C-alpha atoms as a PDB file:
ATOM      1  CA  MET A   1     -49.533 -79.865  75.562  1.00  0.00           C
ATOM      2  CA  LEU A   2     -46.399 -81.771  74.623  1.00  0.00           C
ATOM      3  CA  ASP A   3     -43.161 -80.653  76.246  1.00  0.00           C
ATOM      4  CA  LEU A   4     -41.140 -81.762  73.198  1.00  0.00           C
ATOM      5  CA  ASN A   5     -42.151 -81.601  69.553  1.00  0.00           C
ATOM      6  CA  TYR A   6     -39.520 -82.306  66.919  1.00  0.00           C
ATOM      7  CA  VAL A   7     -38.884 -84.169  63.666  1.00  0.00           C
ATOM      8  CA  ILE A   8     -35.677 -85.294  61.950  1.00  0.00           C
ATOM      9  CA  GLY A   9     -35.187 -85.125  58.203  1.00  0.00           C
ATOM     10  CA  ASN A  10     -34.779 -88.488  56.502  1.00  0.00           C
ATOM     11  CA  ASP A  11     -34.492 -87.850  52.771  1.00  0.00           C
ATOM     12  CA  GLY A  12     -31.210 -89.719  52.536  1.00  0.00           C
ATOM     13  CA  LYS A  13     -28.019 -88.833  50.713  1.00  0.00           C
ATOM     14  CA  LYS A  14     -28.264 -86.602  47.643  1.00  0.00           C
ATOM     15  CA  SER A  15     -25.568 -87.350  45.084  1.00  0.00           C
ATOM     16  CA  GLY A  16     -24.118 -85.034  42.466  1.00  0.00           C
ATOM     17  CA  VAL A  17     -26.666 -82.210  42.755  1.00  0.00           C
ATOM     18  CA  SER A  18     -26.176 -78.805  41.159  1.00  0.00           C
ATOM     19  CA  ALA A  19     -29.541 -77.474  39.950  1.00  0.00           C
ATOM     20  CA  ASN A  20     -31.140 -74.493  41.726  1.00  0.00           C
ATOM     21  CA  GLY A  21     -34.203 -75.494  43.720  1.00  0.00           C
ATOM     22  CA  THR A  22     -32.942 -78.982  44.500  1.00  0.00           C
ATOM     23  CA  ILE A  23     -34.077 -80.099  47.955  1.00  0.00           C
ATOM     24  CA  ILE A  24     -31.176 -81.504  49.947  1.00  0.00           C
ATOM     25  CA  GLN A  25     -33.078 -82.422  53.104  1.00  0.00           C
ATOM     26  CA  SER A  26     -36.603 -81.852  54.473  1.00  0.00           C
ATOM     27  CA  ALA A  27     -38.908 -82.613  57.392  1.00  0.00           C
ATOM     28  CA  THR A  28     -42.621 -82.021  58.064  1.00  0.00           C
ATOM     29  CA  ILE A  29     -43.899 -80.915  61.463  1.00  0.00           C
ATOM     30  CA  THR A  30     -47.279 -79.970  62.971  1.00  0.00           C
ATOM     31  CA  THR A  31     -46.956 -77.131  65.473  1.00  0.00           C
ATOM     32  CA  SER A  32     -49.066 -75.390  68.103  1.00  0.00           C
ATOM     33  CA  GLY A  33     -47.822 -71.899  67.294  1.00  0.00           C
ATOM     34  CA  PHE A  34     -44.611 -71.705  69.295  1.00  0.00           C
ATOM     35  CA  PRO A  35     -41.323 -70.692  67.609  1.00  0.00           C
ATOM     36  CA  VAL A  36     -39.663 -73.359  65.481  1.00  0.00           C
ATOM     37  CA  GLN A  37     -35.901 -73.879  65.390  1.00  0.00           C
ATOM     38  CA  ILE A  38     -34.370 -75.480  62.300  1.00  0.00           C
ATOM     39  CA  THR A  39     -30.784 -76.716  62.256  1.00  0.00           C
ATOM     40  CA  VAL A  40     -28.982 -78.355  59.347  1.00  0.00           C
ATOM     41  CA  THR A  41     -25.457 -79.722  59.685  1.00  0.00           C
ATOM     42  CA  GLY A  42     -23.153 -81.999  57.744  1.00  0.00           C
ATOM     43  CA  ASP A  43     -20.821 -81.789  54.797  1.00  0.00           C
ATOM     44  CA  GLY A  44     -20.807 -81.747  51.024  1.00  0.00           C
ATOM     45  CA  GLU A  45     -18.447 -83.827  48.877  1.00  0.00           C
ATOM     46  CA  PRO A  46     -17.646 -81.755  45.774  1.00  0.00           C
ATOM     47  CA  GLY A  47     -17.099 -83.202  42.334  1.00  0.00           C
ATOM     48  CA  GLY A  48     -14.745 -80.400  41.377  1.00  0.00           C
ATOM     49  CA  ALA A  49     -14.026 -76.712  41.929  1.00  0.00           C
ATOM     50  CA  GLY A  50     -16.866 -74.198  42.442  1.00  0.00           C
ATOM     51  CA  TRP A  51     -19.466 -72.984  44.867  1.00  0.00           C
ATOM     52  CA  GLN A  52     -23.061 -73.459  45.929  1.00  0.00           C
ATOM     53  CA  ARG A  53     -25.494 -71.530  48.120  1.00  0.00           C
ATOM     54  CA  LEU A  54     -28.048 -73.118  50.438  1.00  0.00           C
ATOM     55  CA  GLN A  55     -31.061 -71.726  52.307  1.00  0.00           C
ATOM     56  CA  ILE A  56     -33.794 -73.036  54.600  1.00  0.00           C
ATOM     57  CA  PHE A  57     -37.429 -72.872  53.434  1.00  0.00           C
ATOM     58  CA  ARG A  58     -40.795 -73.166  55.133  1.00  0.00           C
ATOM     59  CA  ASP A  59     -42.905 -74.683  52.369  1.00  0.00           C
ATOM     60  CA  SER A  60     -42.131 -72.257  49.501  1.00  0.00           C
ATOM     61  CA  THR A  61     -41.017 -69.360  51.716  1.00  0.00           C
ATOM     62  CA  ALA A  62     -37.283 -68.756  52.170  1.00  0.00           C
ATOM     63  CA  ILE A  63     -36.280 -68.086  55.798  1.00  0.00           C
ATOM     64  CA  GLY A  64     -32.970 -67.485  57.497  1.00  0.00           C
ATOM     65  CA  GLU A  65     -29.633 -66.605  55.936  1.00  0.00           C
ATOM     66  CA  VAL A  66     -28.065 -67.914  52.733  1.00  0.00           C
ATOM     67  CA  LEU A  67     -25.042 -70.182  53.298  1.00  0.00           C
ATOM     68  CA  HIS A  68     -22.227 -69.930  50.734  1.00  0.00           C
ATOM     69  CA  ILE A  69     -19.896 -72.925  50.434  1.00  0.00           C
ATOM     70  CA  GLU A  70     -16.955 -73.089  48.047  1.00  0.00           C
ATOM     71  CA  THR A  71     -14.137 -75.482  47.166  1.00  0.00           C
ATOM     72  CA  ALA A  72     -10.996 -75.471  45.040  1.00  0.00           C
ATOM     73  CA  GLY A  73     -11.471 -79.018  43.814  1.00  0.00           C
ATOM     74  CA  SER A  74     -12.869 -82.487  44.380  1.00  0.00           C
ATOM     75  CA  GLY A  75     -12.184 -84.162  47.696  1.00  0.00           C
ATOM     76  CA  LEU A  76     -12.127 -80.838  49.571  1.00  0.00           C
ATOM     77  CA  ASN A  77     -15.318 -81.325  51.544  1.00  0.00           C
ATOM     78  CA  MET A  78     -17.414 -78.298  52.377  1.00  0.00           C
ATOM     79  CA  THR A  79     -19.008 -77.837  55.825  1.00  0.00           C
ATOM     80  CA  VAL A  80     -22.778 -77.292  55.985  1.00  0.00           C
ATOM     81  CA  ALA A  81     -24.155 -75.483  59.059  1.00  0.00           C
ATOM     82  CA  LEU A  82     -27.463 -73.602  58.897  1.00  0.00           C
ATOM     83  CA  SER A  83     -29.723 -72.552  61.749  1.00  0.00           C
ATOM     84  CA  THR A  84     -32.700 -70.245  62.086  1.00  0.00           C
ATOM     85  CA  ILE A  85     -35.768 -69.567  64.230  1.00  0.00           C
ATOM     86  CA  ASP A  86     -39.162 -69.357  62.518  1.00  0.00           C
ATOM     87  CA  THR A  87     -42.363 -67.925  64.079  1.00  0.00           C
ATOM     88  CA  PRO A  88     -45.345 -69.278  62.156  1.00  0.00           C
ATOM     89  CA  VAL A  89     -48.873 -69.681  63.483  1.00  0.00           C
ATOM     90  CA  GLY A  90     -49.892 -73.190  64.472  1.00  0.00           C
ATOM     91  CA  GLY A  91     -50.174 -75.571  61.524  1.00  0.00           C
ATOM     92  CA  THR A  92     -48.404 -78.217  59.470  1.00  0.00           C
ATOM     93  CA  TYR A  93     -45.265 -77.158  57.606  1.00  0.00           C
ATOM     94  CA  THR A  94     -42.539 -78.768  55.543  1.00  0.00           C
ATOM     95  CA  TYR A  95     -39.116 -77.312  56.207  1.00  0.00           C
ATOM     96  CA  SER A  96     -36.360 -77.960  53.692  1.00  0.00           C
ATOM     97  CA  VAL A  97     -32.887 -76.863  52.705  1.00  0.00           C
ATOM     98  CA  LYS A  98     -32.466 -76.088  49.014  1.00  0.00           C
ATOM     99  CA  ILE A  99     -29.809 -75.032  46.552  1.00  0.00           C
ATOM    100  CA  VAL A 100     -30.444 -71.366  45.698  1.00  0.00           C
ATOM    101  CA  GLY A 101     -27.330 -70.711  43.622  1.00  0.00           C
ATOM    102  CA  GLY A 102     -24.167 -72.294  42.351  1.00  0.00           C
ATOM    103  CA  SER A 103     -21.389 -72.325  39.803  1.00  0.00           C
ATOM    104  CA  GLY A 104     -19.138 -74.995  38.354  1.00  0.00           C
ATOM    105  CA  VAL A 105     -19.638 -77.857  40.779  1.00  0.00           C
ATOM    106  CA  SER A 106     -21.923 -80.720  41.659  1.00  0.00           C
ATOM    107  CA  VAL A 107     -21.990 -81.849  45.284  1.00  0.00           C
ATOM    108  CA  SER A 108     -22.998 -85.000  47.122  1.00  0.00           C
ATOM    109  CA  TYR A 109     -24.614 -84.287  50.504  1.00  0.00           C
ATOM    110  CA  SER A 110     -23.060 -85.867  52.580  1.00  0.00           C
ATOM    111  CA  GLU A 111     -20.021 -87.981  51.791  1.00  0.00           C
ATOM    112  CA  VAL A 112     -21.135 -90.426  54.470  1.00  0.00           C
ATOM    113  CA  GLY A 113     -24.817 -90.704  55.359  1.00  0.00           C
ATOM    114  CA  GLN A 114     -27.131 -87.701  54.940  1.00  0.00           C
ATOM    115  CA  LEU A 115     -27.405 -84.109  56.106  1.00  0.00           C
ATOM    116  CA  SER A 116     -28.636 -83.871  59.683  1.00  0.00           C
ATOM    117  CA  MET A 117     -31.786 -81.756  59.825  1.00  0.00           C
ATOM    118  CA  ILE A 118     -33.641 -81.233  63.123  1.00  0.00           C
ATOM    119  CA  VAL A 119     -36.882 -79.218  63.267  1.00  0.00           C
ATOM    120  CA  GLU A 120     -38.044 -78.479  66.808  1.00  0.00           C
ATOM    121  CA  GLU A 121     -40.980 -76.490  68.086  1.00  0.00           C
ATOM    122  CA  LYS A 122     -39.661 -74.560  71.082  1.00  0.00           C
ATOM    123  CA  ILE A 123     -42.591 -75.196  73.378  1.00  0.00           C
ATOM    124  CA  ILE A 124     -42.514 -73.050  76.499  1.00  0.00           C
ATOM    125  CA  SER A 125     -44.237 -75.464  78.831  1.00  0.00           C
ATOM    126  CA  SER A 126     -43.853 -73.763  82.164  1.00  0.00           C
ATOM    127  CA  ARG A 127     -43.610 -70.528  84.045  1.00  0.00           C
ATOM    128  CA  LEU A 128     -42.558 -71.558  87.519  1.00  0.00           C
ATOM    129  CA  SER A 129     -45.157 -74.263  88.266  1.00  0.00           C
ATOM    130  CA  SER A 130     -47.695 -73.058  85.711  1.00  0.00           C
ATOM    131  CA  ASN A 131     -48.322 -74.237  82.181  1.00  0.00           C
ATOM    132  CA  TRP A 132     -48.493 -72.384  78.900  1.00  0.00           C
ATOM    133  CA  LEU A 133     -51.829 -73.436  77.461  1.00  0.00           C
ATOM    134  CA  ARG A 134     -52.284 -70.979  74.587  1.00  0.00           C
ATOM    135  CA  ARG A 135     -50.286 -68.819  72.251  1.00  0.00           C
ATOM    136  CA  ASP A 136     -51.943 -66.431  69.835  1.00  0.00           C
ATOM    137  CA  ILE A 137     -50.030 -64.566  67.143  1.00  0.00           C
ATOM    138  CA  SER A 138     -51.358 -61.374  65.612  1.00  0.00           C
ATOM    139  CA  PRO A 139     -48.266 -59.397  64.552  1.00  0.00           C
ATOM    140  CA  PRO A 140     -46.876 -57.243  65.960  1.00  0.00           C
ATOM    141  CA  ASP A 141     -48.486 -58.623  69.140  1.00  0.00           C
ATOM    142  CA  VAL A 142     -48.301 -62.107  70.638  1.00  0.00           C
ATOM    143  CA  TYR A 143     -50.551 -63.284  73.480  1.00  0.00           C
ATOM    144  CA  TYR A 144     -49.572 -66.072  75.882  1.00  0.00           C
ATOM    145  CA  GLY A 145     -51.892 -67.624  78.446  1.00  0.00           C
ATOM    146  CA  TYR A 146     -50.936 -69.236  81.731  1.00  0.00           C
ATOM    147  CA  SER A 147     -53.423 -71.176  83.787  1.00  0.00           C
ATOM    148  CA  ASN A 148     -53.151 -73.154  86.998  1.00  0.00           C
ATOM    149  CA  ASN A 149     -55.903 -75.439  85.705  1.00  0.00           C
ATOM    150  CA  LEU A 150     -54.931 -77.616  82.746  1.00  0.00           C
ATOM    151  CA  SER A 151     -58.584 -78.015  81.753  1.00  0.00           C
ATOM    152  CA  SER A 152     -59.325 -74.268  81.721  1.00  0.00           C
ATOM    153  CA  GLY A 153     -61.713 -73.135  79.014  1.00  0.00           C
ATOM    154  CA  ASP A 154     -61.337 -69.935  77.036  1.00  0.00           C
ATOM    155  CA  SER A 155     -64.179 -68.284  78.945  1.00  0.00           C
ATOM    156  CA  ASP A 156     -62.897 -69.217  82.414  1.00  0.00           C
ATOM    157  CA  SER A 157     -61.382 -66.514  84.623  1.00  0.00           C
ATOM    158  CA  THR A 158     -58.342 -68.648  85.381  1.00  0.00           C
ATOM    159  CA  TRP A 159     -55.756 -67.107  83.062  1.00  0.00           C
ATOM    160  CA  SER A 160     -52.744 -64.918  83.458  1.00  0.00           C
ATOM    161  CA  ILE A 161     -52.175 -63.330  80.055  1.00  0.00           C
ATOM    162  CA  LYS A 162     -48.957 -61.856  78.748  1.00  0.00           C
ATOM    163  CA  LYS A 163     -48.709 -59.617  75.714  1.00  0.00           C
ATOM    164  CA  VAL A 164     -45.405 -59.451  73.861  1.00  0.00           C
ATOM    165  CA  THR A 165     -44.964 -56.587  71.409  1.00  0.00           C
ATOM    166  CA  THR A 166     -42.620 -57.828  68.694  1.00  0.00           C
ATOM    167  CA  THR A 167     -41.166 -54.530  67.541  1.00  0.00           C
ATOM    168  CA  SER A 168     -37.516 -53.560  67.224  1.00  0.00           C
ATOM    169  CA  VAL A 169     -37.277 -53.751  71.017  1.00  0.00           C
ATOM    170  CA  GLU A 170     -39.387 -56.520  72.520  1.00  0.00           C
ATOM    171  CA  SER A 171     -41.571 -55.394  75.405  1.00  0.00           C
ATOM    172  CA  VAL A 172     -43.762 -57.476  77.694  1.00  0.00           C
ATOM    173  CA  THR A 173     -46.951 -56.463  79.490  1.00  0.00           C
ATOM    174  CA  TRP A 174     -49.143 -58.483  81.836  1.00  0.00           C
ATOM    175  CA  THR A 175     -52.898 -58.253  82.061  1.00  0.00           C
ATOM    176  CA  ASN A 176     -53.761 -55.756  84.812  1.00  0.00           C
ATOM    177  CA  GLY A 177     -50.062 -54.988  85.150  1.00  0.00           C
ATOM    178  CA  ASN A 178     -49.054 -58.130  87.032  1.00  0.00           C
ATOM    179  CA  VAL A 179     -49.157 -61.926  87.045  1.00  0.00           C
ATOM    180  CA  GLY A 180     -52.408 -63.282  88.419  1.00  0.00           C
ATOM    181  CA  TYR A 181     -54.946 -65.912  87.446  1.00  0.00           C
ATOM    182  CA  VAL A 182     -57.959 -63.628  87.030  1.00  0.00           C
ATOM    183  CA  SER A 183     -58.192 -63.031  83.274  1.00  0.00           C
ATOM    184  CA  THR A 184     -60.385 -64.520  80.573  1.00  0.00           C
ATOM    185  CA  TRP A 185     -58.576 -65.848  77.513  1.00  0.00           C
ATOM    186  CA  ASP A 186     -61.534 -64.870  75.313  1.00  0.00           C
ATOM    187  CA  ASN A 187     -60.843 -61.240  76.269  1.00  0.00           C
ATOM    188  CA  ARG A 188     -57.088 -61.313  75.717  1.00  0.00           C
ATOM    189  CA  VAL A 189     -57.046 -58.487  73.153  1.00  0.00           C
ATOM    190  CA  GLU A 190     -59.483 -56.251  75.042  1.00  0.00           C
ATOM    191  CA  SER A 191     -57.521 -56.796  78.270  1.00  0.00           C
ATOM    192  CA  PHE A 192     -54.806 -54.530  76.882  1.00  0.00           C
ATOM    193  CA  GLN A 193     -57.121 -51.850  75.495  1.00  0.00           C
ATOM    194  CA  ALA A 194     -58.501 -48.968  77.557  1.00  0.00           C
ATOM    195  CA  PRO A 195     -62.091 -49.753  78.601  1.00  0.00           C
ATOM    196  CA  SER A 196     -64.718 -47.335  77.320  1.00  0.00           C
ATOM    197  CA  THR A 197     -68.036 -49.074  78.047  1.00  0.00           C
ATOM    198  CA  PRO A 198     -70.072 -47.404  80.818  1.00  0.00           C
ATOM    199  CA  LEU A 199     -70.411 -49.273  84.095  1.00  0.00           C
ATOM    200  CA  ASN A 200     -74.098 -48.400  84.594  1.00  0.00           C
ATOM    201  CA  VAL A 201     -73.829 -48.428  88.374  1.00  0.00           C
ATOM    202  CA  ALA A 202     -77.033 -49.062  90.334  1.00  0.00           C
ATOM    203  CA  TYR A 203     -77.731 -49.333  94.072  1.00  0.00           C
ATOM    204  CA  SER A 204     -80.221 -49.995  96.806  1.00  0.00           C
ATOM    205  CA  VAL A 205     -80.135 -49.338 100.555  1.00  0.00           C
ATOM    206  CA  LEU A 206     -81.107 -52.231 102.780  1.00  0.00           C
ATOM    207  CA  ASP A 207     -81.955 -52.254 106.472  1.00  0.00           C
ATOM    208  CA  THR A 208     -79.612 -54.833 108.001  1.00  0.00           C
ATOM    209  CA  PRO A 209     -79.608 -54.324 111.783  1.00  0.00           C
ATOM    210  CA  ASP A 210     -77.669 -56.670 114.018  1.00  0.00           C
ATOM    211  CA  SER A 211     -77.265 -57.165 117.759  1.00  0.00           C
ATOM    212  CA  PHE A 212     -74.543 -54.490 117.904  1.00  0.00           C
ATOM    213  CA  ASN A 213     -76.092 -51.848 115.662  1.00  0.00           C
ATOM    214  CA  SER A 214     -79.826 -51.542 115.188  1.00  0.00           C
ATOM    215  CA  ASP A 215     -79.307 -48.676 112.710  1.00  0.00           C
ATOM    216  CA  ARG A 216     -76.988 -50.564 110.359  1.00  0.00           C
ATOM    217  CA  LYS A 217     -77.564 -50.218 106.612  1.00  0.00           C
ATOM    218  CA  THR A 218     -76.111 -52.100 103.663  1.00  0.00           C
ATOM    219  CA  LEU A 219     -75.284 -50.307 100.447  1.00  0.00           C
ATOM    220  CA  SER A 220     -75.996 -52.896  97.765  1.00  0.00           C
ATOM    221  CA  ILE A 221     -74.157 -51.794  94.624  1.00  0.00           C
ATOM    222  CA  SER A 222     -74.101 -53.387  91.180  1.00  0.00           C
ATOM    223  CA  TRP A 223     -72.601 -52.594  87.764  1.00  0.00           C
ATOM    224  CA  ASP A 224     -72.155 -54.011  84.305  1.00  0.00           C
ATOM    225  CA  LEU A 225     -69.189 -56.256  83.575  1.00  0.00           C
ATOM    226  CA  ILE A 226     -66.922 -54.886  80.862  1.00  0.00           C
ATOM    227  CA  THR A 227     -65.113 -57.031  78.311  1.00  0.00           C
ATOM    228  CA  GLY A 228     -61.378 -56.977  79.027  1.00  0.00           C
ATOM    229  CA  VAL A 229     -61.738 -55.801  82.644  1.00  0.00           C
ATOM    230  CA  ASP A 230     -61.053 -58.293  85.425  1.00  0.00           C
ATOM    231  CA  ILE A 231     -60.672 -56.071  88.489  1.00  0.00           C
ATOM    232  CA  TYR A 232     -63.219 -53.573  89.783  1.00  0.00           C
ATOM    233  CA  LYS A 233     -62.098 -51.198  92.509  1.00  0.00           C
ATOM    234  CA  VAL A 234     -64.757 -50.020  94.961  1.00  0.00           C
ATOM    235  CA  ILE A 235     -64.142 -46.871  97.047  1.00  0.00           C
ATOM    236  CA  VAL A 236     -66.687 -45.912  99.696  1.00  0.00           C
ATOM    237  CA  LYS A 237     -66.364 -42.416 101.163  1.00  0.00           C
ATOM    238  CA  GLU A 238     -68.329 -40.400 103.680  1.00  0.00           C
ATOM    239  CA  SER A 239     -67.415 -36.748 104.320  1.00  0.00           C
ATOM    240  CA  GLY A 240     -64.268 -37.315 102.257  1.00  0.00           C
ATOM    241  CA  LYS A 241     -63.100 -40.241 104.381  1.00  0.00           C
ATOM    242  CA  ILE A 242     -62.392 -43.594 102.723  1.00  0.00           C
ATOM    243  CA  TYR A 243     -63.640 -46.658 104.591  1.00  0.00           C
ATOM    244  CA  ASN A 244     -62.384 -50.213 104.240  1.00  0.00           C
ATOM    245  CA  ASN A 245     -64.414 -53.372 103.976  1.00  0.00           C
ATOM    246  CA  GLU A 246     -64.601 -53.635 107.776  1.00  0.00           C
ATOM    247  CA  GLY A 247     -66.023 -50.124 108.102  1.00  0.00           C
ATOM    248  CA  HIS A 248     -62.850 -48.472 109.419  1.00  0.00           C
ATOM    249  CA  GLN A 249     -61.494 -45.195 108.105  1.00  0.00           C
ATOM    250  CA  VAL A 250     -58.323 -45.672 106.039  1.00  0.00           C
ATOM    251  CA  TYR A 251     -57.542 -42.189 104.701  1.00  0.00           C
ATOM    252  CA  ASP A 252     -58.705 -38.677 105.500  1.00  0.00           C
ATOM    253  CA  ASN A 253     -58.085 -36.764 102.277  1.00  0.00           C
ATOM    254  CA  PRO A 254     -60.953 -36.022  99.872  1.00  0.00           C
ATOM    255  CA  ASN A 255     -58.499 -35.507  97.006  1.00  0.00           C
ATOM    256  CA  PHE A 256     -56.757 -38.826  97.476  1.00  0.00           C
ATOM    257  CA  ASN A 257     -56.534 -40.753  94.185  1.00  0.00           C
ATOM    258  CA  GLY A 258     -54.074 -43.495  95.122  1.00  0.00           C
ATOM    259  CA  SER A 259     -54.335 -47.250  95.424  1.00  0.00           C
ATOM    260  CA  VAL A 260     -56.359 -47.434  98.643  1.00  0.00           C
ATOM    261  CA  SER A 261     -59.793 -48.932  98.098  1.00  0.00           C
ATOM    262  CA  THR A 262     -62.652 -50.318 100.113  1.00  0.00           C
ATOM    263  CA  SER A 263     -62.626 -53.547  98.141  1.00  0.00           C
ATOM    264  CA  ASP A 264     -61.262 -55.004  94.906  1.00  0.00           C
ATOM    265  CA  VAL A 265     -63.825 -57.213  93.205  1.00  0.00           C
ATOM    266  CA  ILE A 266     -62.427 -59.836  90.847  1.00  0.00           C
ATOM    267  CA  ASN A 267     -64.652 -60.585  87.849  1.00  0.00           C
ATOM    268  CA  GLY A 268     -67.732 -59.664  89.834  1.00  0.00           C
ATOM    269  CA  ASP A 269     -70.546 -57.201  89.240  1.00  0.00           C
ATOM    270  CA  SER A 270     -71.701 -56.383  92.753  1.00  0.00           C
ATOM    271  CA  TYR A 271     -70.545 -55.353  96.207  1.00  0.00           C
ATOM    272  CA  GLY A 272     -72.256 -54.788  99.547  1.00  0.00           C
ATOM    273  CA  TYR A 273     -70.965 -52.276 102.048  1.00  0.00           C
ATOM    274  CA  ILE A 274     -72.534 -53.482 105.299  1.00  0.00           C
ATOM    275  CA  HIS A 275     -71.361 -50.727 107.661  1.00  0.00           C
ATOM    276  CA  ALA A 276     -73.412 -47.730 106.498  1.00  0.00           C
ATOM    277  CA  GLN A 277     -75.381 -45.610 108.950  1.00  0.00           C
ATOM    278  CA  SER A 278     -78.688 -43.829 108.393  1.00  0.00           C
ATOM    279  CA  GLY A 279     -78.850 -40.108 107.745  1.00  0.00           C
ATOM    280  CA  LEU A 280     -75.520 -39.914 105.909  1.00  0.00           C
ATOM    281  CA  THR A 281     -74.499 -39.423 102.279  1.00  0.00           C
ATOM    282  CA  TYR A 282     -71.943 -41.848 100.906  1.00  0.00           C
ATOM    283  CA  SER A 283     -69.912 -41.328  97.762  1.00  0.00           C
ATOM    284  CA  VAL A 284     -69.237 -44.646  96.022  1.00  0.00           C
ATOM    285  CA  THR A 285     -66.827 -44.909  93.080  1.00  0.00           C
ATOM    286  CA  ILE A 286     -66.542 -48.022  90.919  1.00  0.00           C
ATOM    287  CA  SER A 287     -63.491 -48.220  88.662  1.00  0.00           C
ATOM    288  CA  GLY A 288     -62.966 -50.901  86.048  1.00  0.00           C
ATOM    289  CA  SER A 289     -59.277 -51.074  85.166  1.00  0.00           C
ATOM    290  CA  ASN A 290     -56.834 -52.996  83.031  1.00  0.00           C
ATOM    291  CA  ILE A 291     -53.378 -52.282  81.684  1.00  0.00           C
ATOM    292  CA  GLY A 292     -54.843 -50.011  79.007  1.00  0.00           C
ATOM    293  CA  GLY A 293     -56.740 -47.646  81.233  1.00  0.00           C
ATOM    294  CA  VAL A 294     -59.662 -47.062  83.585  1.00  0.00           C
ATOM    295  CA  THR A 295     -63.360 -46.390  83.306  1.00  0.00           C
ATOM    296  CA  SER A 296     -65.117 -45.213  86.453  1.00  0.00           C
ATOM    297  CA  SER A 297     -68.424 -43.985  87.774  1.00  0.00           C
ATOM    298  CA  THR A 298     -69.293 -42.214  91.046  1.00  0.00           C
ATOM    299  CA  ILE A 299     -72.701 -42.146  92.676  1.00  0.00           C
ATOM    300  CA  ASN A 300     -73.976 -40.498  95.859  1.00  0.00           C
ATOM    301  CA  ILE A 301     -76.163 -42.566  98.178  1.00  0.00           C
ATOM    302  CA  THR A 302     -78.141 -40.984 101.003  1.00  0.00           C
ATOM    303  CA  THR A 303     -79.291 -43.428 103.644  1.00  0.00           C
END
């Protein structure tokens, strides 16, 4: 994506204008969906006493504030200074500044040269060393996508997605609650909605003896991937004790519901716990979580 996208109006000087709707300056730009800043500066040479009002337009839509300029007579030049930020979706737009009111005076814009009009798309090209590759507007929400791979596709799990809620107070939320390249751009909306699809957890017990433990079992667990969920937390318990991925006890409290887990699986649908022993009953919980909520399922496995 370009780091700089701007155009400069070049309609030339407008002499002796007074009619409402007259375009004083304009410029056409093709954008990618980032905010657009429009600035118009210069002066107006009046032909007599009176006033005029100017406003910026996107195509036929008025945006920004109305500027009122007034003079007591000819030769008393009036300063023009308009600026606004527009937030359209990606597309091609013509921005212009027009007369929207007036009384008693015709004005030449400018006395020397033409009004200066700069239209710039405010491309946010980086977050630290990462690039903005997408921006999706669906008011009142806006979705941004970061990726550490410039060729990332929409279905790749290489995105860090930010949701901006454009209400009276802007708030920002990251997929899964933090920055991390594990999300799928295709699932950007669902990534911020509580998951409700069942996980459909299944399992099998495999004999996997080794030279140190002839009685070793592997709990082979699988589940369904859920749209909008990137991280699946696996908790393996036996007699209320949580075990880590190396088979060591990490917490001895059957009511513990904190952040400790056996393993966190990123965009995967299976896990193997290779330290199970025969003759025991293991409680295995799979939780699929995102910023919106959690869906979980617990199964008991007797070896």
